[in-house]
Each structure stands twice: as C-alpha cells, then as structure tokens.
Amino acid sequence: MKKIVSLIIVLLVIIAAVIYIPKYVNMEGAKDVEFNVVEPDNIPVQIAEVLPNYRMKEKALVCKINNEIYVVVTRGEKKTSGYEVDIKEIKLSNENGEDVLTVYAEFEDPKPGEITTQILTYPYIVVKTELKELPDKVILEKEYKN
C-alpha cells in the first residue's frame, strides 16, 4: 500500500513539473514591459471601434496606433456584473527567433452568493506599453483571483 501511495505522489510531482516548468524555462531572459492602464474615456478611437469584434472572446490583443503599442485583454460575455480583469505583468521574450509577448492577467469573478446585477457585461482592460514594435506572437496567461 505504501508503494502505491509513493508511486502516486511521484507521478503527481512529475505531472506538475511537466505542466509548470516549461512556463518558467521559456521566460528566462524575458524582459519586463512597462505599461500604463488607459482609462475608458481615453481609449483610442481605433481600439474602441474594433473592440466589439473581440469582446465575446477571452484573449489578449496587441495593436499599434500612431507608433504606440497597446495591449487589450478581454474576458468574453458575462451574464452578470462583478467580473473584473487586470494586467499584472507583461514580458517580452525571444523564442526560436520570434518576439513573444506574454500577458499575465488576473481575472476576478463575483463571490458565490454575492448579489450582482443581471446584465450582460464584457470585461476588458486596455494598457499602453513602452514597446516600439509589434511582437510576432501574444500569449495570455490567466490567473483567477479568489
């Protein structure tokens, strides 16, 4: 019985390592990207015009407007209020000759039993970065806040 429990523990550790280690190995040499949140009233018109095309999806987008690079993270359609999205960190790395932008977003959901307004919402956030060029690839890493 002890051998079976030990074997299960070893297998769980190996599975966890296979899942989580590549995320950190690939980020070696990654550069932190500075950014500032853009308030809804100050979102560039070009982003505001295309945002409805992406608001149903949960993804990260990058766009260049007037030589400035913006990152948009959308959460998709939600049936109530109380859903939030925040960008905690943005990193730029070079993987196999491609510039890869990894956006670390924190998603917050309403707490169980919390009273919320029954309305369709489309949580998103827009940030302006210090980048000068668009990356080749964008990855969204999500973390759910309790």
Protein backbone atom coordinates (compact mmCIF):
# COMPACT_ATOMS: atom_id res chain seq x y z
CA MET A 1 0.00 0.00 0.00
CA LYS A 2 2.85 2.40 0.85
CA LYS A 3 4.47 1.69 -2.52
CA ILE A 4 1.26 2.60 -4.35
CA VAL A 5 0.89 5.86 -2.41
CA SER A 6 4.56 6.70 -3.05
CA LEU A 7 4.15 5.90 -6.73
CA ILE A 8 1.07 8.14 -6.98
CA ILE A 9 2.90 11.01 -5.27
CA VAL A 10 5.88 10.64 -7.62
CA LEU A 11 3.56 10.62 -10.64
CA LEU A 12 1.75 13.75 -9.42
CA VAL A 13 5.07 15.56 -8.94
CA ILE A 14 6.21 14.57 -12.43
CA ILE A 15 2.91 15.70 -13.98
CA ALA A 16 3.10 19.04 -12.13
CA ALA A 17 6.68 19.51 -13.31
CA VAL A 18 5.74 18.80 -16.94
CA ILE A 19 2.91 21.33 -16.75
CA TYR A 20 4.56 24.20 -14.87
CA ILE A 21 8.30 24.08 -15.57
CA PRO A 22 8.08 24.96 -19.30
CA LYS A 23 6.33 28.24 -18.43
CA TYR A 24 9.29 29.35 -16.34
CA VAL A 25 12.05 27.89 -18.50
CA ASN A 26 10.76 29.75 -21.57
CA MET A 27 10.69 33.02 -19.65
CA GLU A 28 14.44 33.02 -18.94
CA GLY A 29 15.88 36.20 -20.36
CA ALA A 30 12.42 37.71 -20.72
CA LYS A 31 12.26 41.47 -20.42
CA ASP A 32 9.64 43.23 -18.29
CA VAL A 33 7.49 45.54 -20.37
CA GLU A 34 6.35 48.74 -18.68
CA PHE A 35 2.71 49.71 -19.21
CA ASN A 36 0.04 52.15 -18.06
CA VAL A 37 -3.69 51.48 -17.86
CA VAL A 38 -5.74 53.54 -20.30
CA GLU A 39 -8.98 54.83 -18.79
CA PRO A 40 -12.13 54.03 -20.81
CA ASP A 41 -12.60 57.70 -21.77
CA ASN A 42 -9.06 57.82 -23.23
CA ILE A 43 -9.09 54.63 -25.31
CA PRO A 44 -8.01 55.42 -28.88
CA VAL A 45 -10.91 55.52 -31.33
CA GLN A 46 -9.38 52.73 -33.44
CA ILE A 47 -9.45 50.35 -30.44
CA ALA A 48 -12.96 51.40 -29.42
CA GLU A 49 -14.17 50.67 -32.97
CA VAL A 50 -12.74 47.12 -33.15
CA LEU A 51 -13.36 46.14 -29.52
CA PRO A 52 -16.93 44.91 -30.21
CA ASN A 53 -15.45 42.35 -32.65
CA TYR A 54 -13.41 40.76 -29.85
CA ARG A 55 -15.47 41.35 -26.72
CA MET A 56 -17.11 37.89 -26.95
CA LYS A 57 -13.70 36.19 -26.73
CA GLU A 58 -11.29 35.65 -23.87
CA LYS A 59 -7.97 36.77 -25.31
CA ALA A 60 -5.09 39.23 -25.46
CA LEU A 61 -4.68 41.51 -28.46
CA VAL A 62 -1.86 43.84 -29.43
CA CYS A 63 -2.20 46.81 -31.77
CA LYS A 64 -0.08 49.70 -32.98
CA ILE A 65 -1.69 53.13 -33.20
CA ASN A 66 0.35 56.25 -34.00
CA ASN A 67 3.62 54.42 -33.20
CA GLU A 68 2.32 53.38 -29.77
CA ILE A 69 1.70 49.76 -28.83
CA TYR A 70 -1.45 48.88 -26.88
CA VAL A 71 -2.45 45.59 -25.25
CA VAL A 72 -6.11 44.70 -24.78
CA VAL A 73 -7.32 41.78 -22.65
CA THR A 74 -10.95 40.73 -22.98
CA ARG A 75 -12.87 38.25 -20.81
CA GLY A 76 -15.80 37.46 -23.05
CA GLU A 77 -19.51 37.86 -22.38
CA LYS A 78 -20.65 37.55 -18.75
CA LYS A 79 -24.28 37.31 -17.67
CA THR A 80 -23.90 39.47 -14.53
CA SER A 81 -21.82 42.29 -13.16
CA GLY A 82 -18.91 41.59 -10.79
CA TYR A 83 -16.39 40.22 -13.29
CA GLU A 84 -13.07 42.07 -13.50
CA VAL A 85 -9.81 41.81 -15.43
CA ASP A 86 -6.43 43.30 -14.57
CA ILE A 87 -2.99 43.00 -16.13
CA LYS A 88 -0.34 42.19 -13.55
CA GLU A 89 2.72 41.85 -15.74
CA ILE A 90 3.84 41.83 -19.35
CA LYS A 91 7.04 40.14 -20.51
CA LEU A 92 8.79 40.09 -23.87
CA SER A 93 10.99 37.13 -24.78
CA ASN A 94 12.59 35.73 -27.89
CA GLU A 95 11.71 32.12 -28.62
CA ASN A 96 13.04 30.45 -31.75
CA GLY A 97 13.68 33.82 -33.37
CA GLU A 98 10.18 35.17 -32.65
CA ASP A 99 9.35 38.00 -30.28
CA VAL A 100 6.77 36.59 -27.86
CA LEU A 101 4.71 38.87 -25.63
CA THR A 102 3.29 37.12 -22.58
CA VAL A 103 0.48 38.97 -20.82
CA TYR A 104 -0.20 37.89 -17.23
CA ALA A 105 -3.81 38.76 -16.44
CA GLU A 106 -5.73 38.37 -13.21
CA PHE A 107 -9.42 37.51 -13.52
CA GLU A 108 -11.81 38.13 -10.67
CA ASP A 109 -15.28 36.63 -10.53
CA PRO A 110 -18.16 37.52 -8.21
CA LYS A 111 -18.01 35.64 -4.94
CA PRO A 112 -20.54 32.82 -4.50
CA GLY A 113 -23.73 34.23 -3.04
CA GLU A 114 -22.75 37.83 -3.87
CA ILE A 115 -25.62 39.92 -5.18
CA THR A 116 -24.91 41.08 -8.73
CA THR A 117 -26.82 42.97 -11.38
CA GLN A 118 -28.34 40.69 -14.02
CA ILE A 119 -26.90 42.37 -17.10
CA LEU A 120 -24.61 41.32 -19.94
CA THR A 121 -21.10 42.64 -19.36
CA TYR A 122 -17.90 42.42 -21.38
CA PRO A 123 -14.96 42.99 -19.01
CA TYR A 124 -11.76 44.24 -20.65
CA ILE A 125 -8.68 46.32 -19.96
CA VAL A 126 -6.52 48.43 -22.27
CA VAL A 127 -2.91 49.34 -21.48
CA LYS A 128 -0.33 51.40 -23.35
CA THR A 129 3.14 49.84 -23.38
CA GLU A 130 6.68 51.07 -23.85
CA LEU A 131 7.16 48.75 -26.84
CA LYS A 132 8.16 50.22 -30.20
CA GLU A 133 7.31 47.24 -32.43
CA LEU A 134 4.56 44.64 -32.51
CA PRO A 135 5.55 41.17 -31.27
CA ASP A 136 5.28 38.11 -33.51
CA LYS A 137 3.13 36.21 -31.01
CA VAL A 138 0.98 37.01 -27.97
CA ILE A 139 0.24 34.60 -25.12
CA LEU A 140 -2.37 35.20 -22.43
CA GLU A 141 -1.61 33.65 -19.04
CA LYS A 142 -4.66 33.80 -16.77
CA GLU A 143 -4.80 33.64 -13.01
CA TYR A 144 -8.08 33.62 -11.14
CA LYS A 145 -8.24 35.73 -8.00
CA ASN A 146 -10.24 34.29 -5.12
